[in-house]
N, C-alpha and C. Protein backbone atom coordinates (compact mmCIF):
# COMPACT_ATOMS: atom_id res chain seq x y z
N UNK A 1 4.40 -43.39 31.60
CA UNK A 1 4.31 -42.52 32.76
C UNK A 1 2.86 -42.13 32.99
N UNK A 2 2.46 -42.15 34.23
CA UNK A 2 1.12 -41.73 34.59
C UNK A 2 1.21 -40.57 35.55
N UNK A 3 0.13 -39.83 35.57
CA UNK A 3 0.07 -38.69 36.48
C UNK A 3 -0.59 -39.16 37.77
N UNK A 4 0.04 -38.87 38.87
CA UNK A 4 -0.50 -39.26 40.17
C UNK A 4 -1.63 -38.30 40.56
N UNK A 5 -2.70 -38.85 41.05
CA UNK A 5 -3.85 -38.06 41.47
C UNK A 5 -3.70 -37.73 42.95
N UNK A 6 -3.85 -36.46 43.24
CA UNK A 6 -3.78 -36.05 44.63
C UNK A 6 -5.00 -36.57 45.39
N UNK A 7 -4.79 -36.90 46.63
CA UNK A 7 -5.89 -37.41 47.45
C UNK A 7 -6.91 -36.31 47.76
N UNK A 8 -6.42 -35.06 47.85
CA UNK A 8 -7.34 -33.96 48.16
C UNK A 8 -7.83 -33.23 46.91
N UNK A 9 -7.69 -33.86 45.72
CA UNK A 9 -8.13 -33.24 44.47
C UNK A 9 -9.64 -33.10 44.45
N UNK A 10 -10.14 -31.99 43.87
CA UNK A 10 -11.59 -31.80 43.81
C UNK A 10 -12.23 -32.87 42.92
N UNK A 11 -13.47 -33.16 43.18
CA UNK A 11 -14.20 -34.16 42.41
C UNK A 11 -14.30 -33.70 40.95
N UNK A 12 -14.00 -34.61 40.04
CA UNK A 12 -14.11 -34.31 38.61
C UNK A 12 -12.91 -33.60 38.03
N UNK A 13 -11.85 -33.45 38.81
CA UNK A 13 -10.66 -32.74 38.32
C UNK A 13 -10.05 -33.39 37.10
N UNK A 14 -9.94 -34.71 37.10
CA UNK A 14 -9.36 -35.41 35.96
C UNK A 14 -10.20 -35.21 34.70
N UNK A 15 -11.51 -35.25 34.86
CA UNK A 15 -12.38 -35.06 33.71
C UNK A 15 -12.24 -33.64 33.14
N UNK A 16 -12.08 -32.66 34.04
CA UNK A 16 -11.92 -31.27 33.59
C UNK A 16 -10.62 -31.12 32.79
N UNK A 17 -9.53 -31.75 33.25
CA UNK A 17 -8.28 -31.72 32.49
C UNK A 17 -8.47 -32.31 31.11
N UNK A 18 -9.16 -33.46 31.05
CA UNK A 18 -9.40 -34.13 29.78
C UNK A 18 -10.23 -33.23 28.85
N UNK A 19 -11.26 -32.60 29.37
CA UNK A 19 -12.12 -31.74 28.56
C UNK A 19 -11.32 -30.55 28.01
N UNK A 20 -10.54 -29.90 28.87
CA UNK A 20 -9.74 -28.75 28.41
C UNK A 20 -8.71 -29.17 27.37
N UNK A 21 -8.08 -30.30 27.57
CA UNK A 21 -7.10 -30.79 26.62
C UNK A 21 -7.76 -31.11 25.28
N UNK A 22 -8.91 -31.78 25.31
CA UNK A 22 -9.62 -32.08 24.06
C UNK A 22 -10.04 -30.80 23.34
N UNK A 23 -10.51 -29.83 24.10
CA UNK A 23 -10.91 -28.54 23.52
C UNK A 23 -9.72 -27.85 22.85
N UNK A 24 -8.58 -27.87 23.52
CA UNK A 24 -7.37 -27.28 22.95
C UNK A 24 -6.99 -27.97 21.65
N UNK A 25 -6.99 -29.29 21.65
CA UNK A 25 -6.63 -30.04 20.45
C UNK A 25 -7.62 -29.79 19.30
N UNK A 26 -8.90 -29.73 19.61
CA UNK A 26 -9.90 -29.45 18.58
C UNK A 26 -9.68 -28.06 17.99
N UNK A 27 -9.41 -27.07 18.83
CA UNK A 27 -9.15 -25.71 18.33
C UNK A 27 -7.91 -25.66 17.45
N UNK A 28 -6.87 -26.37 17.83
CA UNK A 28 -5.64 -26.42 17.01
C UNK A 28 -5.94 -27.06 15.66
N UNK A 29 -6.67 -28.19 15.67
CA UNK A 29 -7.02 -28.85 14.41
C UNK A 29 -7.88 -27.97 13.52
N UNK A 30 -8.85 -27.27 14.10
CA UNK A 30 -9.70 -26.38 13.32
C UNK A 30 -8.88 -25.26 12.68
N UNK A 31 -7.99 -24.69 13.45
CA UNK A 31 -7.16 -23.60 12.93
C UNK A 31 -6.27 -24.09 11.79
N UNK A 32 -5.68 -25.24 11.96
CA UNK A 32 -4.80 -25.79 10.93
C UNK A 32 -5.56 -26.18 9.68
N UNK A 33 -6.76 -26.73 9.83
CA UNK A 33 -7.52 -27.16 8.66
C UNK A 33 -8.10 -25.99 7.89
N UNK A 34 -8.29 -24.84 8.54
CA UNK A 34 -8.85 -23.67 7.85
C UNK A 34 -7.80 -22.92 7.04
N UNK A 35 -6.54 -23.16 7.33
CA UNK A 35 -5.47 -22.48 6.60
C UNK A 35 -5.23 -23.18 5.28
N UNK A 36 -4.91 -22.38 4.27
CA UNK A 36 -4.58 -22.95 2.98
C UNK A 36 -3.18 -23.54 3.06
N UNK A 37 -2.94 -24.61 2.34
CA UNK A 37 -1.59 -25.18 2.38
C UNK A 37 -0.58 -24.19 1.80
N UNK A 38 0.59 -24.19 2.38
CA UNK A 38 1.63 -23.29 1.91
C UNK A 38 2.14 -23.74 0.55
N UNK A 39 2.31 -22.79 -0.37
CA UNK A 39 2.80 -23.20 -1.70
C UNK A 39 4.26 -23.62 -1.64
N UNK A 40 4.63 -24.47 -2.55
CA UNK A 40 6.01 -24.91 -2.67
C UNK A 40 6.58 -24.23 -3.91
N UNK A 41 7.71 -23.58 -3.76
CA UNK A 41 8.31 -22.83 -4.86
C UNK A 41 9.51 -23.58 -5.40
N UNK A 42 9.63 -23.61 -6.72
CA UNK A 42 10.73 -24.31 -7.36
C UNK A 42 12.05 -23.57 -7.16
N UNK A 43 11.96 -22.25 -7.04
CA UNK A 43 13.19 -21.47 -6.88
C UNK A 43 12.91 -20.22 -6.06
N UNK A 44 13.99 -19.57 -5.67
CA UNK A 44 13.91 -18.32 -4.93
C UNK A 44 13.23 -17.26 -5.79
N UNK A 45 13.50 -17.26 -7.09
CA UNK A 45 12.91 -16.30 -8.01
C UNK A 45 11.39 -16.48 -8.10
N UNK A 46 10.94 -17.74 -8.14
CA UNK A 46 9.50 -18.01 -8.15
C UNK A 46 8.83 -17.46 -6.90
N UNK A 47 9.49 -17.65 -5.76
CA UNK A 47 8.95 -17.14 -4.50
C UNK A 47 8.83 -15.62 -4.55
N UNK A 48 9.90 -14.95 -5.02
CA UNK A 48 9.87 -13.49 -5.06
C UNK A 48 8.82 -12.97 -6.03
N UNK A 49 8.67 -13.61 -7.17
CA UNK A 49 7.64 -13.18 -8.14
C UNK A 49 6.24 -13.36 -7.55
N UNK A 50 6.03 -14.47 -6.88
CA UNK A 50 4.72 -14.72 -6.28
C UNK A 50 4.43 -13.72 -5.17
N UNK A 51 5.40 -13.49 -4.30
CA UNK A 51 5.23 -12.52 -3.22
C UNK A 51 4.96 -11.13 -3.79
N UNK A 52 5.73 -10.74 -4.80
CA UNK A 52 5.55 -9.44 -5.44
C UNK A 52 4.14 -9.32 -5.99
N UNK A 53 3.69 -10.35 -6.69
CA UNK A 53 2.35 -10.33 -7.27
C UNK A 53 1.26 -10.23 -6.21
N UNK A 54 1.44 -10.94 -5.11
CA UNK A 54 0.46 -10.88 -4.02
C UNK A 54 0.41 -9.49 -3.39
N UNK A 55 1.57 -8.87 -3.23
CA UNK A 55 1.61 -7.53 -2.64
C UNK A 55 0.94 -6.54 -3.59
N UNK A 56 1.27 -6.60 -4.88
CA UNK A 56 0.67 -5.68 -5.86
C UNK A 56 -0.85 -5.86 -5.88
N UNK A 57 -1.30 -7.08 -5.85
CA UNK A 57 -2.75 -7.35 -5.84
C UNK A 57 -3.40 -6.75 -4.61
N UNK A 58 -2.74 -6.89 -3.45
CA UNK A 58 -3.26 -6.30 -2.22
C UNK A 58 -3.29 -4.77 -2.32
N UNK A 59 -2.26 -4.19 -2.90
CA UNK A 59 -2.22 -2.74 -3.07
C UNK A 59 -3.38 -2.28 -3.97
N UNK A 60 -3.61 -2.99 -5.07
CA UNK A 60 -4.69 -2.63 -5.99
C UNK A 60 -6.06 -2.72 -5.31
N UNK A 61 -6.21 -3.71 -4.45
CA UNK A 61 -7.49 -3.89 -3.76
C UNK A 61 -7.73 -2.87 -2.65
N UNK A 62 -6.69 -2.11 -2.30
CA UNK A 62 -6.80 -1.14 -1.20
C UNK A 62 -6.43 0.27 -1.63
N UNK A 63 -6.75 0.63 -2.85
CA UNK A 63 -6.39 1.96 -3.35
C UNK A 63 -7.13 3.08 -2.63
N UNK A 64 -8.32 2.81 -2.14
CA UNK A 64 -9.13 3.85 -1.54
C UNK A 64 -8.81 4.15 -0.10
N UNK A 65 -7.91 3.46 0.50
CA UNK A 65 -7.61 3.69 1.91
C UNK A 65 -6.17 4.03 2.13
N UNK A 66 -5.80 3.99 3.38
CA UNK A 66 -4.41 4.21 3.73
C UNK A 66 -3.79 2.85 4.03
N UNK A 67 -2.56 2.70 3.63
CA UNK A 67 -1.89 1.42 3.79
C UNK A 67 -0.55 1.66 4.44
N UNK A 68 -0.17 0.79 5.37
CA UNK A 68 1.13 0.94 6.02
C UNK A 68 1.94 -0.33 5.82
N UNK A 69 3.24 -0.17 5.93
CA UNK A 69 4.13 -1.33 5.83
C UNK A 69 3.88 -2.31 6.98
N UNK A 70 3.52 -1.78 8.13
CA UNK A 70 3.23 -2.64 9.28
C UNK A 70 2.04 -3.54 8.98
N UNK A 71 1.02 -2.97 8.34
CA UNK A 71 -0.16 -3.75 7.96
C UNK A 71 0.22 -4.84 6.96
N UNK A 72 1.04 -4.48 5.98
CA UNK A 72 1.50 -5.48 5.00
C UNK A 72 2.31 -6.57 5.67
N UNK A 73 3.16 -6.20 6.61
CA UNK A 73 3.98 -7.18 7.33
C UNK A 73 3.10 -8.18 8.06
N UNK A 74 2.06 -7.68 8.70
CA UNK A 74 1.15 -8.58 9.41
C UNK A 74 0.42 -9.50 8.43
N UNK A 75 -0.03 -8.94 7.32
CA UNK A 75 -0.79 -9.73 6.35
C UNK A 75 0.05 -10.85 5.75
N UNK A 76 1.30 -10.54 5.39
CA UNK A 76 2.13 -11.52 4.70
C UNK A 76 3.09 -12.28 5.63
N UNK A 77 3.09 -11.93 6.90
CA UNK A 77 3.91 -12.61 7.92
C UNK A 77 5.42 -12.52 7.64
N UNK A 78 5.85 -11.37 7.19
CA UNK A 78 7.27 -11.09 6.99
C UNK A 78 7.57 -9.73 7.60
N UNK A 79 8.83 -9.49 7.91
CA UNK A 79 9.21 -8.20 8.48
C UNK A 79 9.13 -7.11 7.42
N UNK A 80 9.02 -5.86 7.87
CA UNK A 80 9.01 -4.71 6.95
C UNK A 80 10.24 -4.74 6.05
N UNK A 81 11.39 -4.96 6.65
CA UNK A 81 12.65 -4.93 5.91
C UNK A 81 12.67 -6.00 4.83
N UNK A 82 12.26 -7.22 5.19
CA UNK A 82 12.25 -8.31 4.22
C UNK A 82 11.32 -7.99 3.05
N UNK A 83 10.10 -7.55 3.36
CA UNK A 83 9.14 -7.23 2.30
C UNK A 83 9.67 -6.13 1.38
N UNK A 84 10.19 -5.07 1.98
CA UNK A 84 10.69 -3.94 1.19
C UNK A 84 11.86 -4.36 0.30
N UNK A 85 12.77 -5.14 0.86
CA UNK A 85 13.95 -5.58 0.11
C UNK A 85 13.55 -6.48 -1.06
N UNK A 86 12.73 -7.48 -0.80
CA UNK A 86 12.32 -8.42 -1.86
C UNK A 86 11.48 -7.73 -2.92
N UNK A 87 10.62 -6.81 -2.51
CA UNK A 87 9.78 -6.10 -3.48
C UNK A 87 10.64 -5.24 -4.40
N UNK A 88 11.59 -4.52 -3.80
CA UNK A 88 12.46 -3.65 -4.60
C UNK A 88 13.35 -4.47 -5.53
N UNK A 89 13.84 -5.61 -5.07
CA UNK A 89 14.65 -6.49 -5.92
C UNK A 89 13.85 -6.94 -7.15
N UNK A 90 12.58 -7.20 -6.95
CA UNK A 90 11.73 -7.72 -8.02
C UNK A 90 11.28 -6.63 -9.00
N UNK A 91 10.95 -5.44 -8.47
CA UNK A 91 10.34 -4.42 -9.33
C UNK A 91 11.19 -3.18 -9.58
N UNK A 92 12.19 -2.97 -8.74
CA UNK A 92 13.00 -1.77 -8.90
C UNK A 92 12.41 -0.54 -8.25
N UNK A 93 11.26 -0.68 -7.61
CA UNK A 93 10.65 0.45 -6.89
C UNK A 93 10.21 -0.02 -5.52
N UNK A 94 10.06 0.93 -4.60
CA UNK A 94 9.63 0.57 -3.26
C UNK A 94 8.14 0.25 -3.26
N UNK A 95 7.68 -0.36 -2.19
CA UNK A 95 6.26 -0.70 -2.07
C UNK A 95 5.42 0.57 -2.11
N UNK A 96 5.84 1.60 -1.39
CA UNK A 96 5.06 2.83 -1.35
C UNK A 96 5.11 3.58 -2.69
N UNK A 97 6.22 3.51 -3.40
CA UNK A 97 6.28 4.11 -4.73
C UNK A 97 5.27 3.41 -5.64
N UNK A 98 5.23 2.10 -5.56
CA UNK A 98 4.28 1.32 -6.36
C UNK A 98 2.85 1.68 -5.96
N UNK A 99 2.59 1.79 -4.69
CA UNK A 99 1.25 2.12 -4.20
C UNK A 99 0.82 3.49 -4.72
N UNK A 100 1.70 4.47 -4.64
CA UNK A 100 1.37 5.81 -5.15
C UNK A 100 1.18 5.78 -6.66
N UNK A 101 2.01 5.02 -7.37
CA UNK A 101 1.85 4.92 -8.83
C UNK A 101 0.50 4.32 -9.18
N UNK A 102 0.13 3.26 -8.47
CA UNK A 102 -1.17 2.64 -8.71
C UNK A 102 -2.32 3.60 -8.38
N UNK A 103 -2.13 4.39 -7.32
CA UNK A 103 -3.15 5.37 -6.95
C UNK A 103 -3.29 6.46 -8.01
N UNK A 104 -2.22 6.77 -8.71
CA UNK A 104 -2.26 7.81 -9.74
C UNK A 104 -2.79 7.25 -11.06
N UNK A 105 -2.57 5.98 -11.33
CA UNK A 105 -3.12 5.39 -12.56
C UNK A 105 -4.64 5.40 -12.53
N UNK A 106 -5.22 5.19 -11.35
CA UNK A 106 -6.68 5.17 -11.21
C UNK A 106 -7.31 6.53 -11.53
N UNK A 107 -6.80 7.64 -10.97
CA UNK A 107 -7.43 8.93 -11.33
C UNK A 107 -7.21 9.29 -12.80
N UNK A 108 -6.12 8.83 -13.37
CA UNK A 108 -5.91 9.09 -14.80
C UNK A 108 -7.07 8.49 -15.59
N UNK A 109 -7.49 7.31 -15.21
CA UNK A 109 -8.62 6.66 -15.86
C UNK A 109 -9.92 7.39 -15.53
N UNK A 110 -10.09 7.78 -14.27
CA UNK A 110 -11.31 8.48 -13.85
C UNK A 110 -11.46 9.83 -14.55
N UNK A 111 -10.34 10.52 -14.75
CA UNK A 111 -10.40 11.83 -15.41
C UNK A 111 -10.83 11.69 -16.87
N UNK A 112 -10.54 10.58 -17.47
CA UNK A 112 -10.93 10.36 -18.86
C UNK A 112 -12.40 9.98 -18.95
N UNK A 113 -12.96 9.35 -17.94
CA UNK A 113 -14.31 8.81 -18.01
C UNK A 113 -15.39 9.80 -17.60
N UNK A 114 -15.19 10.53 -16.53
CA UNK A 114 -16.27 11.34 -15.98
C UNK A 114 -15.80 12.73 -15.61
N UNK A 115 -16.77 13.58 -15.34
CA UNK A 115 -16.47 14.96 -14.94
C UNK A 115 -16.46 15.10 -13.42
N UNK A 116 -15.76 14.22 -12.75
CA UNK A 116 -15.63 14.34 -11.30
C UNK A 116 -14.54 15.35 -10.98
N UNK A 117 -14.68 15.98 -9.84
CA UNK A 117 -13.69 16.98 -9.45
C UNK A 117 -12.43 16.29 -8.95
N UNK A 118 -11.34 17.03 -8.96
CA UNK A 118 -10.08 16.49 -8.45
C UNK A 118 -10.18 16.21 -6.95
N UNK A 119 -10.96 17.03 -6.25
CA UNK A 119 -11.16 16.82 -4.81
C UNK A 119 -11.88 15.49 -4.58
N UNK A 120 -12.89 15.19 -5.41
CA UNK A 120 -13.61 13.92 -5.29
C UNK A 120 -12.68 12.74 -5.56
N UNK A 121 -11.86 12.87 -6.59
CA UNK A 121 -10.93 11.79 -6.95
C UNK A 121 -9.92 11.58 -5.84
N UNK A 122 -9.37 12.66 -5.30
CA UNK A 122 -8.36 12.50 -4.24
C UNK A 122 -8.98 11.88 -3.00
N UNK A 123 -10.21 12.26 -2.65
CA UNK A 123 -10.87 11.68 -1.48
C UNK A 123 -11.19 10.20 -1.72
N UNK A 124 -11.61 9.88 -2.92
CA UNK A 124 -11.95 8.50 -3.28
C UNK A 124 -10.75 7.57 -3.15
N UNK A 125 -9.57 8.12 -3.40
CA UNK A 125 -8.35 7.32 -3.36
C UNK A 125 -7.60 7.43 -2.04
N UNK A 126 -8.21 8.08 -1.06
CA UNK A 126 -7.64 8.09 0.28
C UNK A 126 -6.53 9.10 0.52
N UNK A 127 -6.40 10.10 -0.36
CA UNK A 127 -5.41 11.16 -0.10
C UNK A 127 -5.99 12.10 0.94
N UNK A 128 -5.13 12.61 1.81
CA UNK A 128 -5.60 13.47 2.90
C UNK A 128 -6.20 14.77 2.40
N UNK A 129 -5.62 15.31 1.35
CA UNK A 129 -6.18 16.54 0.77
C UNK A 129 -5.81 16.62 -0.72
N UNK A 130 -6.55 17.44 -1.48
CA UNK A 130 -6.31 17.54 -2.92
C UNK A 130 -4.93 18.09 -3.27
N UNK A 131 -4.36 18.91 -2.39
CA UNK A 131 -3.04 19.48 -2.68
C UNK A 131 -1.96 18.39 -2.66
N UNK A 132 -2.06 17.51 -1.67
CA UNK A 132 -1.11 16.41 -1.60
C UNK A 132 -1.30 15.48 -2.80
N UNK A 133 -2.54 15.22 -3.16
CA UNK A 133 -2.84 14.41 -4.35
C UNK A 133 -2.20 15.04 -5.58
N UNK A 134 -2.33 16.35 -5.74
CA UNK A 134 -1.75 17.04 -6.89
C UNK A 134 -0.23 16.91 -6.92
N UNK A 135 0.40 17.04 -5.75
CA UNK A 135 1.86 16.91 -5.70
C UNK A 135 2.32 15.52 -6.11
N UNK A 136 1.65 14.49 -5.58
CA UNK A 136 2.01 13.12 -5.92
C UNK A 136 1.74 12.85 -7.39
N UNK A 137 0.61 13.31 -7.89
CA UNK A 137 0.26 13.12 -9.29
C UNK A 137 1.31 13.76 -10.20
N UNK A 138 1.70 14.98 -9.88
CA UNK A 138 2.69 15.69 -10.70
C UNK A 138 4.05 15.00 -10.64
N UNK A 139 4.43 14.51 -9.47
CA UNK A 139 5.72 13.82 -9.34
C UNK A 139 5.74 12.55 -10.20
N UNK A 140 4.64 11.84 -10.26
CA UNK A 140 4.61 10.58 -11.01
C UNK A 140 4.34 10.79 -12.48
N UNK A 141 3.38 11.64 -12.82
CA UNK A 141 3.00 11.84 -14.22
C UNK A 141 3.79 12.97 -14.90
N UNK A 142 4.44 13.83 -14.11
CA UNK A 142 5.22 14.91 -14.70
C UNK A 142 4.39 16.12 -15.10
N UNK A 143 3.12 16.09 -14.76
CA UNK A 143 2.22 17.19 -15.10
C UNK A 143 1.14 17.27 -14.02
N UNK A 144 0.62 18.47 -13.78
CA UNK A 144 -0.42 18.65 -12.77
C UNK A 144 -1.71 17.97 -13.22
N UNK A 145 -2.54 17.52 -12.28
CA UNK A 145 -3.78 16.84 -12.66
C UNK A 145 -4.69 17.68 -13.55
N UNK A 146 -4.78 18.96 -13.26
CA UNK A 146 -5.65 19.82 -14.08
C UNK A 146 -5.16 19.89 -15.52
N UNK A 147 -3.84 19.97 -15.69
CA UNK A 147 -3.26 20.00 -17.04
C UNK A 147 -3.47 18.65 -17.73
N UNK A 148 -3.30 17.58 -16.99
CA UNK A 148 -3.52 16.25 -17.54
C UNK A 148 -4.96 16.09 -18.03
N UNK A 149 -5.88 16.56 -17.22
CA UNK A 149 -7.31 16.47 -17.58
C UNK A 149 -7.59 17.23 -18.86
N UNK A 150 -6.99 18.40 -19.03
CA UNK A 150 -7.18 19.19 -20.27
C UNK A 150 -6.65 18.44 -21.48
N UNK A 151 -5.53 17.75 -21.30
CA UNK A 151 -4.92 17.02 -22.42
C UNK A 151 -5.73 15.82 -22.85
N UNK A 152 -6.34 15.10 -21.89
CA UNK A 152 -7.07 13.88 -22.25
C UNK A 152 -8.48 14.14 -22.73
N UNK A 153 -9.00 15.34 -22.52
CA UNK A 153 -10.37 15.63 -22.97
C UNK A 153 -10.41 16.05 -24.39
């Protein structure tokens, strides 16, 4: 099949179509070649373990900021529900519970190393205020941050 050329077509119209089509194909090829090949999983369990590990790694790399499930969904190309379900099946805790736990493990280490204030630690880890940080810390560790600091010194 060939495309019929209109008699009143502007000069160079066919060449412009060819150029745009070539440009589109080159962009598609570039995008595809820049992506890493998708891994092949031997089982559903392997997939879930790998996904869980990738999410935990992302959480660890973003302890100092705020993280949302929507952001994670975009990063991993899965729905919020799917990510939350698979993560909980693998670890027994929600993504946000894991994120808060990881955020609390870091100040536990910081309190042992240096004489930084609790306000500095909470700001460094992206908590909105030191009071909220204290509440989360106490819920996870079972003791207030100030009491924890006294015990580890």
